[in-house]
Amino acid sequence: GFYREDTGEKLLLPEELTRALQQEVLARQQAEERAEQERQRA
């Protein structure tokens, strides 16, 4: 496991990076859906 000394952040393995990107995409989609719902309610 590799960790940055400046931030303590772990350097992700390829499969971890893939999961993180998938989670980021899902979170962005959910945020966009919530924003659209708010826009529709408004």
PDB file of all heavy atoms in Angstrom:
ATOM      1  N   GLY A   1       0.836  -1.188   0.000  1.00  0.00           N
ATOM      2  CA  GLY A   1       0.000   0.000   0.000  1.00  0.00           C
ATOM      3  C   GLY A   1       0.878   1.248   0.000  1.00  0.00           C
ATOM      4  O   GLY A   1       1.872   1.316   0.726  1.00  0.00           O
ATOM      5  N   PHE A   2       0.529   2.222  -0.842  1.00  0.00           N
ATOM      6  CA  PHE A   2       1.301   3.454  -0.965  1.00  0.00           C
ATOM      7  C   PHE A   2       0.446   4.633  -0.502  1.00  0.00           C
ATOM      8  O   PHE A   2      -0.702   4.787  -0.938  1.00  0.00           O
ATOM      9  CB  PHE A   2       1.725   3.691  -2.421  1.00  0.00           C
ATOM     10  CG  PHE A   2       2.681   2.649  -2.962  1.00  0.00           C
ATOM     11  CD1 PHE A   2       2.197   1.497  -3.558  1.00  0.00           C
ATOM     12  CD2 PHE A   2       4.048   2.836  -2.860  1.00  0.00           C
ATOM     13  CE1 PHE A   2       3.072   0.540  -4.061  1.00  0.00           C
ATOM     14  CE2 PHE A   2       4.930   1.888  -3.360  1.00  0.00           C
ATOM     15  CZ  PHE A   2       4.443   0.738  -3.959  1.00  0.00           C
ATOM     16  N   TYR A   3       1.024   5.482   0.375  1.00  0.00           N
ATOM     17  CA  TYR A   3       0.311   6.634   0.925  1.00  0.00           C
ATOM     18  C   TYR A   3       1.144   7.896   0.751  1.00  0.00           C
ATOM     19  O   TYR A   3       2.346   7.906   1.037  1.00  0.00           O
ATOM     20  CB  TYR A   3       0.013   6.412   2.410  1.00  0.00           C
ATOM     21  CG  TYR A   3      -0.948   5.286   2.668  1.00  0.00           C
ATOM     22  CD1 TYR A   3      -0.510   3.960   2.657  1.00  0.00           C
ATOM     23  CD2 TYR A   3      -2.297   5.532   2.906  1.00  0.00           C
ATOM     24  CE1 TYR A   3      -1.386   2.909   2.880  1.00  0.00           C
ATOM     25  CE2 TYR A   3      -3.182   4.487   3.131  1.00  0.00           C
ATOM     26  CZ  TYR A   3      -2.722   3.178   3.112  1.00  0.00           C
ATOM     27  OH  TYR A   3      -3.585   2.135   3.326  1.00  0.00           O
ATOM     28  N   ARG A   4       0.496   8.953   0.281  1.00  0.00           N
ATOM     29  CA  ARG A   4       1.181  10.237   0.103  1.00  0.00           C
ATOM     30  C   ARG A   4       1.589  10.802   1.457  1.00  0.00           C
ATOM     31  O   ARG A   4       0.806  10.769   2.418  1.00  0.00           O
ATOM     32  CB  ARG A   4       0.275  11.236  -0.617  1.00  0.00           C
ATOM     33  CG  ARG A   4      -0.111  10.843  -2.029  1.00  0.00           C
ATOM     34  CD  ARG A   4      -1.041  11.885  -2.622  1.00  0.00           C
ATOM     35  NE  ARG A   4      -0.389  13.173  -2.693  1.00  0.00           N
ATOM     36  CZ  ARG A   4      -0.020  13.759  -3.835  1.00  0.00           C
ATOM     37  NH1 ARG A   4      -0.238  13.155  -4.983  1.00  0.00           N
ATOM     38  NH2 ARG A   4       0.565  14.938  -3.831  1.00  0.00           N
ATOM     39  N   GLU A   5       2.796  11.327   1.526  1.00  0.00           N
ATOM     40  CA  GLU A   5       3.252  11.931   2.778  1.00  0.00           C
ATOM     41  C   GLU A   5       2.611  13.291   3.006  1.00  0.00           C
ATOM     42  O   GLU A   5       2.418  13.700   4.150  1.00  0.00           O
ATOM     43  CB  GLU A   5       4.772  12.068   2.762  1.00  0.00           C
ATOM     44  CG  GLU A   5       5.501  10.758   2.914  1.00  0.00           C
ATOM     45  CD  GLU A   5       6.978  10.937   3.200  1.00  0.00           C
ATOM     46  OE1 GLU A   5       7.556  11.987   2.835  1.00  0.00           O
ATOM     47  OE2 GLU A   5       7.564  10.031   3.808  1.00  0.00           O
ATOM     48  N   ASP A   6       2.258  14.014   1.946  1.00  0.00           N
ATOM     49  CA  ASP A   6       1.736  15.373   2.116  1.00  0.00           C
ATOM     50  C   ASP A   6       0.274  15.378   2.556  1.00  0.00           C
ATOM     51  O   ASP A   6      -0.152  16.248   3.320  1.00  0.00           O
ATOM     52  CB  ASP A   6       1.909  16.192   0.828  1.00  0.00           C
ATOM     53  CG  ASP A   6       1.311  15.504  -0.396  1.00  0.00           C
ATOM     54  OD1 ASP A   6       0.880  14.336  -0.273  1.00  0.00           O
ATOM     55  OD2 ASP A   6       1.280  16.128  -1.471  1.00  0.00           O
ATOM     56  N   THR A   7      -0.514  14.398   2.110  1.00  0.00           N
ATOM     57  CA  THR A   7      -1.941  14.397   2.424  1.00  0.00           C
ATOM     58  C   THR A   7      -2.385  13.156   3.209  1.00  0.00           C
ATOM     59  O   THR A   7      -3.484  13.150   3.764  1.00  0.00           O
ATOM     60  CB  THR A   7      -2.776  14.457   1.137  1.00  0.00           C
ATOM     61  OG1 THR A   7      -2.536  13.257   0.361  1.00  0.00           O
ATOM     62  CG2 THR A   7      -2.398  15.678   0.295  1.00  0.00           C
ATOM     63  N   GLY A   8      -1.548  12.129   3.241  1.00  0.00           N
ATOM     64  CA  GLY A   8      -1.945  10.868   3.871  1.00  0.00           C
ATOM     65  C   GLY A   8      -2.862  10.038   2.995  1.00  0.00           C
ATOM     66  O   GLY A   8      -3.278   8.939   3.384  1.00  0.00           O
ATOM     67  N   GLU A   9      -3.187  10.547   1.824  1.00  0.00           N
ATOM     68  CA  GLU A   9      -4.109   9.857   0.911  1.00  0.00           C
ATOM     69  C   GLU A   9      -3.469   8.594   0.343  1.00  0.00           C
ATOM     70  O   GLU A   9      -2.299   8.584  -0.035  1.00  0.00           O
ATOM     71  CB  GLU A   9      -4.487  10.803  -0.230  1.00  0.00           C
ATOM     72  CG  GLU A   9      -5.372  10.203  -1.291  1.00  0.00           C
ATOM     73  CD  GLU A   9      -5.593  11.147  -2.447  1.00  0.00           C
ATOM     74  OE1 GLU A   9      -4.928  12.210  -2.481  1.00  0.00           O
ATOM     75  OE2 GLU A   9      -6.404  10.818  -3.331  1.00  0.00           O
ATOM     76  N   LYS A  10      -4.265   7.533   0.266  1.00  0.00           N
ATOM     77  CA  LYS A  10      -3.775   6.283  -0.313  1.00  0.00           C
ATOM     78  C   LYS A  10      -3.824   6.358  -1.829  1.00  0.00           C
ATOM     79  O   LYS A  10      -4.777   6.876  -2.409  1.00  0.00           O
ATOM     80  CB  LYS A  10      -4.627   5.101   0.159  1.00  0.00           C
ATOM     81  CG  LYS A  10      -4.157   3.770  -0.412  1.00  0.00           C
ATOM     82  CD  LYS A  10      -5.041   2.609   0.005  1.00  0.00           C
ATOM     83  CE  LYS A  10      -4.565   1.307  -0.616  1.00  0.00           C
ATOM     84  NZ  LYS A  10      -5.408   0.157  -0.242  1.00  0.00           N
ATOM     85  N   LEU A  11      -2.776   5.846  -2.470  1.00  0.00           N
ATOM     86  CA  LEU A  11      -2.794   5.715  -3.920  1.00  0.00           C
ATOM     87  C   LEU A  11      -3.606   4.465  -4.254  1.00  0.00           C
ATOM     88  O   LEU A  11      -3.271   3.361  -3.823  1.00  0.00           O
ATOM     89  CB  LEU A  11      -1.371   5.585  -4.473  1.00  0.00           C
ATOM     90  CG  LEU A  11      -0.386   6.703  -4.120  1.00  0.00           C
ATOM     91  CD1 LEU A  11       0.930   6.497  -4.866  1.00  0.00           C
ATOM     92  CD2 LEU A  11      -0.966   8.068  -4.448  1.00  0.00           C
ATOM     93  N   LEU A  12      -4.660   4.650  -5.005  1.00  0.00           N
ATOM     94  CA  LEU A  12      -5.590   3.559  -5.251  1.00  0.00           C
ATOM     95  C   LEU A  12      -5.032   2.550  -6.240  1.00  0.00           C
ATOM     96  O   LEU A  12      -4.365   2.904  -7.216  1.00  0.00           O
ATOM     97  CB  LEU A  12      -6.913   4.112  -5.774  1.00  0.00           C
ATOM     98  CG  LEU A  12      -7.670   5.056  -4.832  1.00  0.00           C
ATOM     99  CD1 LEU A  12      -8.975   5.506  -5.467  1.00  0.00           C
ATOM    100  CD2 LEU A  12      -7.940   4.389  -3.492  1.00  0.00           C
ATOM    101  N   LEU A  13      -5.337   1.287  -5.960  1.00  0.00           N
ATOM    102  CA  LEU A  13      -5.021   0.233  -6.909  1.00  0.00           C
ATOM    103  C   LEU A  13      -5.964   0.360  -8.096  1.00  0.00           C
ATOM    104  O   LEU A  13      -7.006   1.026  -8.010  1.00  0.00           O
ATOM    105  CB  LEU A  13      -5.200  -1.134  -6.249  1.00  0.00           C
ATOM    106  CG  LEU A  13      -4.372  -1.395  -4.983  1.00  0.00           C
ATOM    107  CD1 LEU A  13      -4.743  -2.753  -4.396  1.00  0.00           C
ATOM    108  CD2 LEU A  13      -2.894  -1.335  -5.287  1.00  0.00           C
ATOM    109  N   PRO A  14      -5.622  -0.248  -9.234  1.00  0.00           N
ATOM    110  CA  PRO A  14      -6.478  -0.105 -10.416  1.00  0.00           C
ATOM    111  C   PRO A  14      -7.939  -0.433 -10.154  1.00  0.00           C
ATOM    112  O   PRO A  14      -8.832   0.326 -10.547  1.00  0.00           O
ATOM    113  CB  PRO A  14      -5.840  -1.083 -11.416  1.00  0.00           C
ATOM    114  CG  PRO A  14      -4.397  -1.115 -11.045  1.00  0.00           C
ATOM    115  CD  PRO A  14      -4.379  -0.985  -9.545  1.00  0.00           C
ATOM    116  N   GLU A  15      -8.218  -1.561  -9.466  1.00  0.00           N
ATOM    117  CA  GLU A  15      -9.617  -1.923  -9.217  1.00  0.00           C
ATOM    118  C   GLU A  15     -10.253  -0.970  -8.206  1.00  0.00           C
ATOM    119  O   GLU A  15     -11.447  -0.666  -8.291  1.00  0.00           O
ATOM    120  CB  GLU A  15      -9.739  -3.371  -8.741  1.00  0.00           C
ATOM    121  CG  GLU A  15      -9.012  -3.676  -7.433  1.00  0.00           C
ATOM    122  CD  GLU A  15      -7.597  -4.168  -7.671  1.00  0.00           C
ATOM    123  OE1 GLU A  15      -7.027  -3.815  -8.730  1.00  0.00           O
ATOM    124  OE2 GLU A  15      -7.066  -4.894  -6.825  1.00  0.00           O
ATOM    125  N   GLU A  16      -9.464  -0.469  -7.244  1.00  0.00           N
ATOM    126  CA  GLU A  16      -9.994   0.505  -6.287  1.00  0.00           C
ATOM    127  C   GLU A  16     -10.304   1.815  -6.996  1.00  0.00           C
ATOM    128  O   GLU A  16     -11.302   2.480  -6.694  1.00  0.00           O
ATOM    129  CB  GLU A  16      -8.984   0.745  -5.164  1.00  0.00           C
ATOM    130  CG  GLU A  16      -8.798  -0.447  -4.241  1.00  0.00           C
ATOM    131  CD  GLU A  16      -7.702  -0.221  -3.216  1.00  0.00           C
ATOM    132  OE1 GLU A  16      -6.751   0.529  -3.514  1.00  0.00           O
ATOM    133  OE2 GLU A  16      -7.802  -0.804  -2.121  1.00  0.00           O
ATOM    134  N   LEU A  17      -9.436   2.196  -7.933  1.00  0.00           N
ATOM    135  CA  LEU A  17      -9.661   3.413  -8.703  1.00  0.00           C
ATOM    136  C   LEU A  17     -10.921   3.279  -9.550  1.00  0.00           C
ATOM    137  O   LEU A  17     -11.719   4.217  -9.643  1.00  0.00           O
ATOM    138  CB  LEU A  17      -8.448   3.690  -9.602  1.00  0.00           C
ATOM    139  CG  LEU A  17      -8.518   4.954 -10.461  1.00  0.00           C
ATOM    140  CD1 LEU A  17      -8.653   6.186  -9.584  1.00  0.00           C
ATOM    141  CD2 LEU A  17      -7.294   5.069 -11.355  1.00  0.00           C
ATOM    142  N   THR A  18     -11.130   2.087 -10.121  1.00  0.00           N
ATOM    143  CA  THR A  18     -12.339   1.846 -10.912  1.00  0.00           C
ATOM    144  C   THR A  18     -13.581   1.985 -10.039  1.00  0.00           C
ATOM    145  O   THR A  18     -14.561   2.637 -10.431  1.00  0.00           O
ATOM    146  CB  THR A  18     -12.294   0.450 -11.548  1.00  0.00           C
ATOM    147  OG1 THR A  18     -11.158   0.359 -12.418  1.00  0.00           O
ATOM    148  CG2 THR A  18     -13.563   0.173 -12.347  1.00  0.00           C
ATOM    149  N   ARG A  19     -13.535   1.372  -8.845  1.00  0.00           N
ATOM    150  CA  ARG A  19     -14.687   1.474  -7.932  1.00  0.00           C
ATOM    151  C   ARG A  19     -14.921   2.920  -7.507  1.00  0.00           C
ATOM    152  O   ARG A  19     -16.070   3.375  -7.432  1.00  0.00           O
ATOM    153  CB  ARG A  19     -14.473   0.593  -6.706  1.00  0.00           C
ATOM    154  CG  ARG A  19     -14.614  -0.902  -6.980  1.00  0.00           C
ATOM    155  CD  ARG A  19     -14.809  -1.670  -5.685  1.00  0.00           C
ATOM    156  NE  ARG A  19     -13.653  -1.534  -4.811  1.00  0.00           N
ATOM    157  CZ  ARG A  19     -12.622  -2.366  -4.817  1.00  0.00           C
ATOM    158  NH1 ARG A  19     -12.591  -3.380  -5.671  1.00  0.00           N
ATOM    159  NH2 ARG A  19     -11.607  -2.201  -3.989  1.00  0.00           N
ATOM    160  N   ALA A  20     -13.832   3.631  -7.237  1.00  0.00           N
ATOM    161  CA  ALA A  20     -13.963   5.032  -6.814  1.00  0.00           C
ATOM    162  C   ALA A  20     -14.578   5.872  -7.933  1.00  0.00           C
ATOM    163  O   ALA A  20     -15.432   6.733  -7.673  1.00  0.00           O
ATOM    164  CB  ALA A  20     -12.596   5.586  -6.423  1.00  0.00           C
ATOM    165  N   LEU A  21     -14.160   5.619  -9.174  1.00  0.00           N
ATOM    166  CA  LEU A  21     -14.718   6.362 -10.303  1.00  0.00           C
ATOM    167  C   LEU A  21     -16.196   6.023 -10.483  1.00  0.00           C
ATOM    168  O   LEU A  21     -17.011   6.910 -10.766  1.00  0.00           O
ATOM    169  CB  LEU A  21     -13.937   6.036 -11.576  1.00  0.00           C
ATOM    170  CG  LEU A  21     -12.513   6.591 -11.646  1.00  0.00           C
ATOM    171  CD1 LEU A  21     -11.798   6.070 -12.890  1.00  0.00           C
ATOM    172  CD2 LEU A  21     -12.515   8.114 -11.646  1.00  0.00           C
ATOM    173  N   GLN A  22     -16.528   4.737 -10.319  1.00  0.00           N
ATOM    174  CA  GLN A  22     -17.931   4.344 -10.434  1.00  0.00           C
ATOM    175  C   GLN A  22     -18.773   5.014  -9.361  1.00  0.00           C
ATOM    176  O   GLN A  22     -19.889   5.485  -9.636  1.00  0.00           O
ATOM    177  CB  GLN A  22     -18.049   2.820 -10.332  1.00  0.00           C
ATOM    178  CG  GLN A  22     -17.476   2.071 -11.535  1.00  0.00           C
ATOM    179  CD  GLN A  22     -17.433   0.568 -11.328  1.00  0.00           C
ATOM    180  OE1 GLN A  22     -17.477   0.086 -10.195  1.00  0.00           O
ATOM    181  NE2 GLN A  22     -17.363  -0.186 -12.411  1.00  0.00           N
ATOM    182  N   GLN A  23     -18.244   5.049  -8.141  1.00  0.00           N
ATOM    183  CA  GLN A  23     -18.966   5.698  -7.048  1.00  0.00           C
ATOM    184  C   GLN A  23     -19.108   7.195  -7.301  1.00  0.00           C
ATOM    185  O   GLN A  23     -20.150   7.794  -7.008  1.00  0.00           O
ATOM    186  CB  GLN A  23     -18.239   5.440  -5.723  1.00  0.00           C
ATOM    187  CG  GLN A  23     -18.305   3.986  -5.266  1.00  0.00           C
ATOM    188  CD  GLN A  23     -17.421   3.701  -4.074  1.00  0.00           C
ATOM    189  OE1 GLN A  23     -16.679   4.576  -3.622  1.00  0.00           O
ATOM    190  NE2 GLN A  23     -17.501   2.488  -3.544  1.00  0.00           N
ATOM    191  N   GLU A  24     -18.053   7.794  -7.865  1.00  0.00           N
ATOM    192  CA  GLU A  24     -18.109   9.229  -8.168  1.00  0.00           C
ATOM    193  C   GLU A  24     -19.150   9.505  -9.243  1.00  0.00           C
ATOM    194  O   GLU A  24     -19.918  10.472  -9.145  1.00  0.00           O
ATOM    195  CB  GLU A  24     -16.733   9.709  -8.630  1.00  0.00           C
ATOM    196  CG  GLU A  24     -16.679  11.201  -8.914  1.00  0.00           C
ATOM    197  CD  GLU A  24     -15.300  11.662  -9.342  1.00  0.00           C
ATOM    198  OE1 GLU A  24     -14.330  10.910  -9.158  1.00  0.00           O
ATOM    199  OE2 GLU A  24     -15.209  12.784  -9.882  1.00  0.00           O
ATOM    200  N   VAL A  25     -19.185   8.663 -10.279  1.00  0.00           N
ATOM    201  CA  VAL A  25     -20.170   8.826 -11.341  1.00  0.00           C
ATOM    202  C   VAL A  25     -21.585   8.663 -10.777  1.00  0.00           C
ATOM    203  O   VAL A  25     -22.495   9.445 -11.092  1.00  0.00           O
ATOM    204  CB  VAL A  25     -19.927   7.809 -12.480  1.00  0.00           C
ATOM    205  CG1 VAL A  25     -21.097   7.801 -13.455  1.00  0.00           C
ATOM    206  CG2 VAL A  25     -18.641   8.142 -13.212  1.00  0.00           C
ATOM    207  N   LEU A  26     -21.787   7.624  -9.917  1.00  0.00           N
ATOM    208  CA  LEU A  26     -23.094   7.398  -9.306  1.00  0.00           C
ATOM    209  C   LEU A  26     -23.506   8.584  -8.440  1.00  0.00           C
ATOM    210  O   LEU A  26     -24.659   9.044  -8.501  1.00  0.00           O
ATOM    211  CB  LEU A  26     -23.057   6.124  -8.469  1.00  0.00           C
ATOM    212  CG  LEU A  26     -24.357   5.760  -7.736  1.00  0.00           C
ATOM    213  CD1 LEU A  26     -25.499   5.567  -8.728  1.00  0.00           C
ATOM    214  CD2 LEU A  26     -24.154   4.511  -6.894  1.00  0.00           C
ATOM    215  N   ALA A  27     -22.546   9.092  -7.645  1.00  0.00           N
ATOM    216  CA  ALA A  27     -22.850  10.243  -6.780  1.00  0.00           C
ATOM    217  C   ALA A  27     -23.212  11.465  -7.619  1.00  0.00           C
ATOM    218  O   ALA A  27     -24.130  12.223  -7.266  1.00  0.00           O
ATOM    219  CB  ALA A  27     -21.652  10.545  -5.879  1.00  0.00           C
ATOM    220  N   ARG A  28     -22.516  11.656  -8.733  1.00  0.00           N
ATOM    221  CA  ARG A  28     -22.811  12.795  -9.600  1.00  0.00           C
ATOM    222  C   ARG A  28     -24.197  12.638 -10.228  1.00  0.00           C
ATOM    223  O   ARG A  28     -24.967  13.609 -10.307  1.00  0.00           O
ATOM    224  CB  ARG A  28     -21.746  12.909 -10.695  1.00  0.00           C
ATOM    225  CG  ARG A  28     -21.909  14.158 -11.570  1.00  0.00           C
ATOM    226  CD  ARG A  28     -20.853  14.252 -12.647  1.00  0.00           C
ATOM    227  NE  ARG A  28     -19.536  14.401 -12.088  1.00  0.00           N
ATOM    228  CZ  ARG A  28     -18.577  13.489 -12.214  1.00  0.00           C
ATOM    229  NH1 ARG A  28     -18.803  12.370 -12.875  1.00  0.00           N
ATOM    230  NH2 ARG A  28     -17.394  13.696 -11.701  1.00  0.00           N
ATOM    231  N   GLN A  29     -24.521  11.405 -10.660  1.00  0.00           N
ATOM    232  CA  GLN A  29     -25.846  11.165 -11.231  1.00  0.00           C
ATOM    233  C   GLN A  29     -26.944  11.423 -10.210  1.00  0.00           C
ATOM    234  O   GLN A  29     -27.966  12.038 -10.524  1.00  0.00           O
ATOM    235  CB  GLN A  29     -25.936   9.731 -11.753  1.00  0.00           C
ATOM    236  CG  GLN A  29     -25.093   9.461 -12.986  1.00  0.00           C
ATOM    237  CD  GLN A  29     -25.093   8.003 -13.380  1.00  0.00           C
ATOM    238  OE1 GLN A  29     -25.435   7.130 -12.575  1.00  0.00           O
ATOM    239  NE2 GLN A  29     -24.724   7.715 -14.618  1.00  0.00           N
ATOM    240  N   GLN A  30     -26.717  10.953  -8.961  1.00  0.00           N
ATOM    241  CA  GLN A  30     -27.706  11.168  -7.915  1.00  0.00           C
ATOM    242  C   GLN A  30     -27.864  12.649  -7.601  1.00  0.00           C
ATOM    243  O   GLN A  30     -28.985  13.134  -7.383  1.00  0.00           O
ATOM    244  CB  GLN A  30     -27.308  10.392  -6.660  1.00  0.00           C
ATOM    245  CG  GLN A  30     -27.391   8.873  -6.826  1.00  0.00           C
ATOM    246  CD  GLN A  30     -26.837   8.124  -5.645  1.00  0.00           C
ATOM    247  OE1 GLN A  30     -26.061   8.671  -4.841  1.00  0.00           O
ATOM    248  NE2 GLN A  30     -27.218   6.857  -5.495  1.00  0.00           N
ATOM    249  N   ALA A  31     -26.738  13.378  -7.599  1.00  0.00           N
ATOM    250  CA  ALA A  31     -26.791  14.822  -7.353  1.00  0.00           C
ATOM    251  C   ALA A  31     -27.553  15.532  -8.469  1.00  0.00           C
ATOM    252  O   ALA A  31     -28.343  16.451  -8.217  1.00  0.00           O
ATOM    253  CB  ALA A  31     -25.378  15.392  -7.225  1.00  0.00           C
ATOM    254  N   GLU A  32     -27.315  15.094  -9.715  1.00  0.00           N
ATOM    255  CA  GLU A  32     -28.022  15.693 -10.847  1.00  0.00           C
ATOM    256  C   GLU A  32     -29.513  15.384 -10.778  1.00  0.00           C
ATOM    257  O   GLU A  32     -30.346  16.247 -11.090  1.00  0.00           O
ATOM    258  CB  GLU A  32     -27.422  15.173 -12.160  1.00  0.00           C
ATOM    259  CG  GLU A  32     -26.017  15.698 -12.440  1.00  0.00           C
ATOM    260  CD  GLU A  32     -25.388  15.056 -13.659  1.00  0.00           C
ATOM    261  OE1 GLU A  32     -25.995  14.101 -14.206  1.00  0.00           O
ATOM    262  OE2 GLU A  32     -24.304  15.494 -14.080  1.00  0.00           O
ATOM    263  N   GLU A  33     -29.850  14.151 -10.352  1.00  0.00           N
ATOM    264  CA  GLU A  33     -31.260  13.785 -10.214  1.00  0.00           C
ATOM    265  C   GLU A  33     -31.928  14.628  -9.130  1.00  0.00           C
ATOM    266  O   GLU A  33     -33.065  15.094  -9.309  1.00  0.00           O
ATOM    267  CB  GLU A  33     -31.381  12.297  -9.895  1.00  0.00           C
ATOM    268  CG  GLU A  33     -31.011  11.389 -11.064  1.00  0.00           C
ATOM    269  CD  GLU A  33     -30.992   9.927 -10.683  1.00  0.00           C
ATOM    270  OE1 GLU A  33     -31.241   9.621  -9.482  1.00  0.00           O
ATOM    271  OE2 GLU A  33     -30.737   9.084 -11.551  1.00  0.00           O
ATOM    272  N   ARG A  34     -31.221  14.809  -7.977  1.00  0.00           N
ATOM    273  CA  ARG A  34     -31.784  15.639  -6.906  1.00  0.00           C
ATOM    274  C   ARG A  34     -31.964  17.076  -7.372  1.00  0.00           C
ATOM    275  O   ARG A  34     -32.983  17.712  -7.066  1.00  0.00           O
ATOM    276  CB  ARG A  34     -30.884  15.583  -5.669  1.00  0.00           C
ATOM    277  CG  ARG A  34     -30.934  14.251  -4.924  1.00  0.00           C
ATOM    278  CD  ARG A  34     -30.299  14.370  -3.551  1.00  0.00           C
ATOM    279  NE  ARG A  34     -28.880  14.676  -3.639  1.00  0.00           N
ATOM    280  CZ  ARG A  34     -27.920  13.763  -3.709  1.00  0.00           C
ATOM    281  NH1 ARG A  34     -28.232  12.471  -3.723  1.00  0.00           N
ATOM    282  NH2 ARG A  34     -26.657  14.117  -3.772  1.00  0.00           N
ATOM    283  N   ALA A  35     -30.997  17.573  -8.122  1.00  0.00           N
ATOM    284  CA  ALA A  35     -31.092  18.947  -8.624  1.00  0.00           C
ATOM    285  C   ALA A  35     -32.264  19.086  -9.590  1.00  0.00           C
ATOM    286  O   ALA A  35     -32.986  20.096  -9.569  1.00  0.00           O
ATOM    287  CB  ALA A  35     -29.787  19.344  -9.311  1.00  0.00           C
ATOM    288  N   GLU A  36     -32.463  18.053 -10.428  1.00  0.00           N
ATOM    289  CA  GLU A  36     -33.583  18.089 -11.368  1.00  0.00           C
ATOM    290  C   GLU A  36     -34.910  18.035 -10.624  1.00  0.00           C
ATOM    291  O   GLU A  36     -35.872  18.746 -10.985  1.00  0.00           O
ATOM    292  CB  GLU A  36     -33.470  16.915 -12.343  1.00  0.00           C
ATOM    293  CG  GLU A  36     -34.614  16.800 -13.329  1.00  0.00           C
ATOM    294  CD  GLU A  36     -34.762  17.997 -14.246  1.00  0.00           C
ATOM    295  OE1 GLU A  36     -33.787  18.773 -14.384  1.00  0.00           O
ATOM    296  OE2 GLU A  36     -35.854  18.157 -14.820  1.00  0.00           O
ATOM    297  N   GLN A  37     -34.976  17.216  -9.569  1.00  0.00           N
ATOM    298  CA  GLN A  37     -36.195  17.144  -8.772  1.00  0.00           C
ATOM    299  C   GLN A  37     -36.483  18.484  -8.102  1.00  0.00           C
ATOM    300  O   GLN A  37     -37.639  18.934  -8.061  1.00  0.00           O
ATOM    301  CB  GLN A  37     -36.075  16.035  -7.728  1.00  0.00           C
ATOM    302  CG  GLN A  37     -36.067  14.630  -8.318  1.00  0.00           C
ATOM    303  CD  GLN A  37     -35.718  13.563  -7.307  1.00  0.00           C
ATOM    304  OE1 GLN A  37     -35.373  13.866  -6.150  1.00  0.00           O
ATOM    305  NE2 GLN A  37     -35.790  12.296  -7.701  1.00  0.00           N
ATOM    306  N   GLU A  38     -35.433  19.122  -7.600  1.00  0.00           N
ATOM    307  CA  GLU A  38     -35.596  20.449  -6.987  1.00  0.00           C
ATOM    308  C   GLU A  38     -36.060  21.465  -8.022  1.00  0.00           C
ATOM    309  O   GLU A  38     -36.914  22.317  -7.737  1.00  0.00           O
ATOM    310  CB  GLU A  38     -34.290  20.904  -6.342  1.00  0.00           C
ATOM    311  CG  GLU A  38     -33.915  20.145  -5.079  1.00  0.00           C
ATOM    312  CD  GLU A  38     -34.925  20.351  -3.963  1.00  0.00           C
ATOM    313  OE1 GLU A  38     -35.488  21.460  -3.879  1.00  0.00           O
ATOM    314  OE2 GLU A  38     -35.153  19.412  -3.190  1.00  0.00           O
ATOM    315  N   ARG A  39     -35.493  21.363  -9.221  1.00  0.00           N
ATOM    316  CA  ARG A  39     -35.892  22.289 -10.281  1.00  0.00           C
ATOM    317  C   ARG A  39     -37.361  22.096 -10.644  1.00  0.00           C
ATOM    318  O   ARG A  39     -38.097  23.066 -10.829  1.00  0.00           O
ATOM    319  CB  ARG A  39     -35.014  22.076 -11.525  1.00  0.00           C
ATOM    320  CG  ARG A  39     -35.231  23.114 -12.636  1.00  0.00           C
ATOM    321  CD  ARG A  39     -34.625  22.675 -13.936  1.00  0.00           C
ATOM    322  NE  ARG A  39     -35.322  21.499 -14.469  1.00  0.00           N
ATOM    323  CZ  ARG A  39     -36.496  21.548 -15.085  1.00  0.00           C
ATOM    324  NH1 ARG A  39     -37.136  22.704 -15.231  1.00  0.00           N
ATOM    325  NH2 ARG A  39     -37.058  20.461 -15.544  1.00  0.00           N
ATOM    326  N   GLN A  40     -37.775  20.805 -10.719  1.00  0.00           N
ATOM    327  CA  GLN A  40     -39.168  20.516 -11.040  1.00  0.00           C
ATOM    328  C   GLN A  40     -40.101  21.007  -9.946  1.00  0.00           C
ATOM    329  O   GLN A  40     -41.169  21.569 -10.234  1.00  0.00           O
ATOM    330  CB  GLN A  40     -39.345  19.015 -11.266  1.00  0.00           C
ATOM    331  CG  GLN A  40     -38.666  18.490 -12.526  1.00  0.00           C
ATOM    332  CD  GLN A  40     -38.792  16.996 -12.676  1.00  0.00           C
ATOM    333  OE1 GLN A  40     -39.350  16.314 -11.810  1.00  0.00           O
ATOM    334  NE2 GLN A  40     -38.291  16.462 -13.787  1.00  0.00           N
ATOM    335  N   ARG A  41     -39.697  20.804  -8.670  1.00  0.00           N
ATOM    336  CA  ARG A  41     -40.540  21.303  -7.565  1.00  0.00           C
ATOM    337  C   ARG A  41     -40.636  22.827  -7.602  1.00  0.00           C
ATOM    338  O   ARG A  41     -41.708  23.390  -7.382  1.00  0.00           O
ATOM    339  CB  ARG A  41     -39.975  20.834  -6.222  1.00  0.00           C
ATOM    340  CG  ARG A  41     -40.308  19.393  -5.881  1.00  0.00           C
ATOM    341  CD  ARG A  41     -40.078  19.117  -4.396  1.00  0.00           C
ATOM    342  NE  ARG A  41     -38.659  19.136  -4.081  1.00  0.00           N
ATOM    343  CZ  ARG A  41     -37.886  18.054  -4.123  1.00  0.00           C
ATOM    344  NH1 ARG A  41     -38.403  16.880  -4.475  1.00  0.00           N
ATOM    345  NH2 ARG A  41     -36.613  18.135  -3.817  1.00  0.00           N
ATOM    346  N   ALA A  42     -39.501  23.469  -7.895  1.00  0.00           N
ATOM    347  CA  ALA A  42     -39.508  24.929  -7.973  1.00  0.00           C
ATOM    348  C   ALA A  42     -40.408  25.398  -9.117  1.00  0.00           C
ATOM    349  O   ALA A  42     -41.129  26.399  -8.984  1.00  0.00           O
ATOM    350  CB  ALA A  42     -38.080  25.447  -8.166  1.00  0.00           C
TER     351      ALA A  42
END
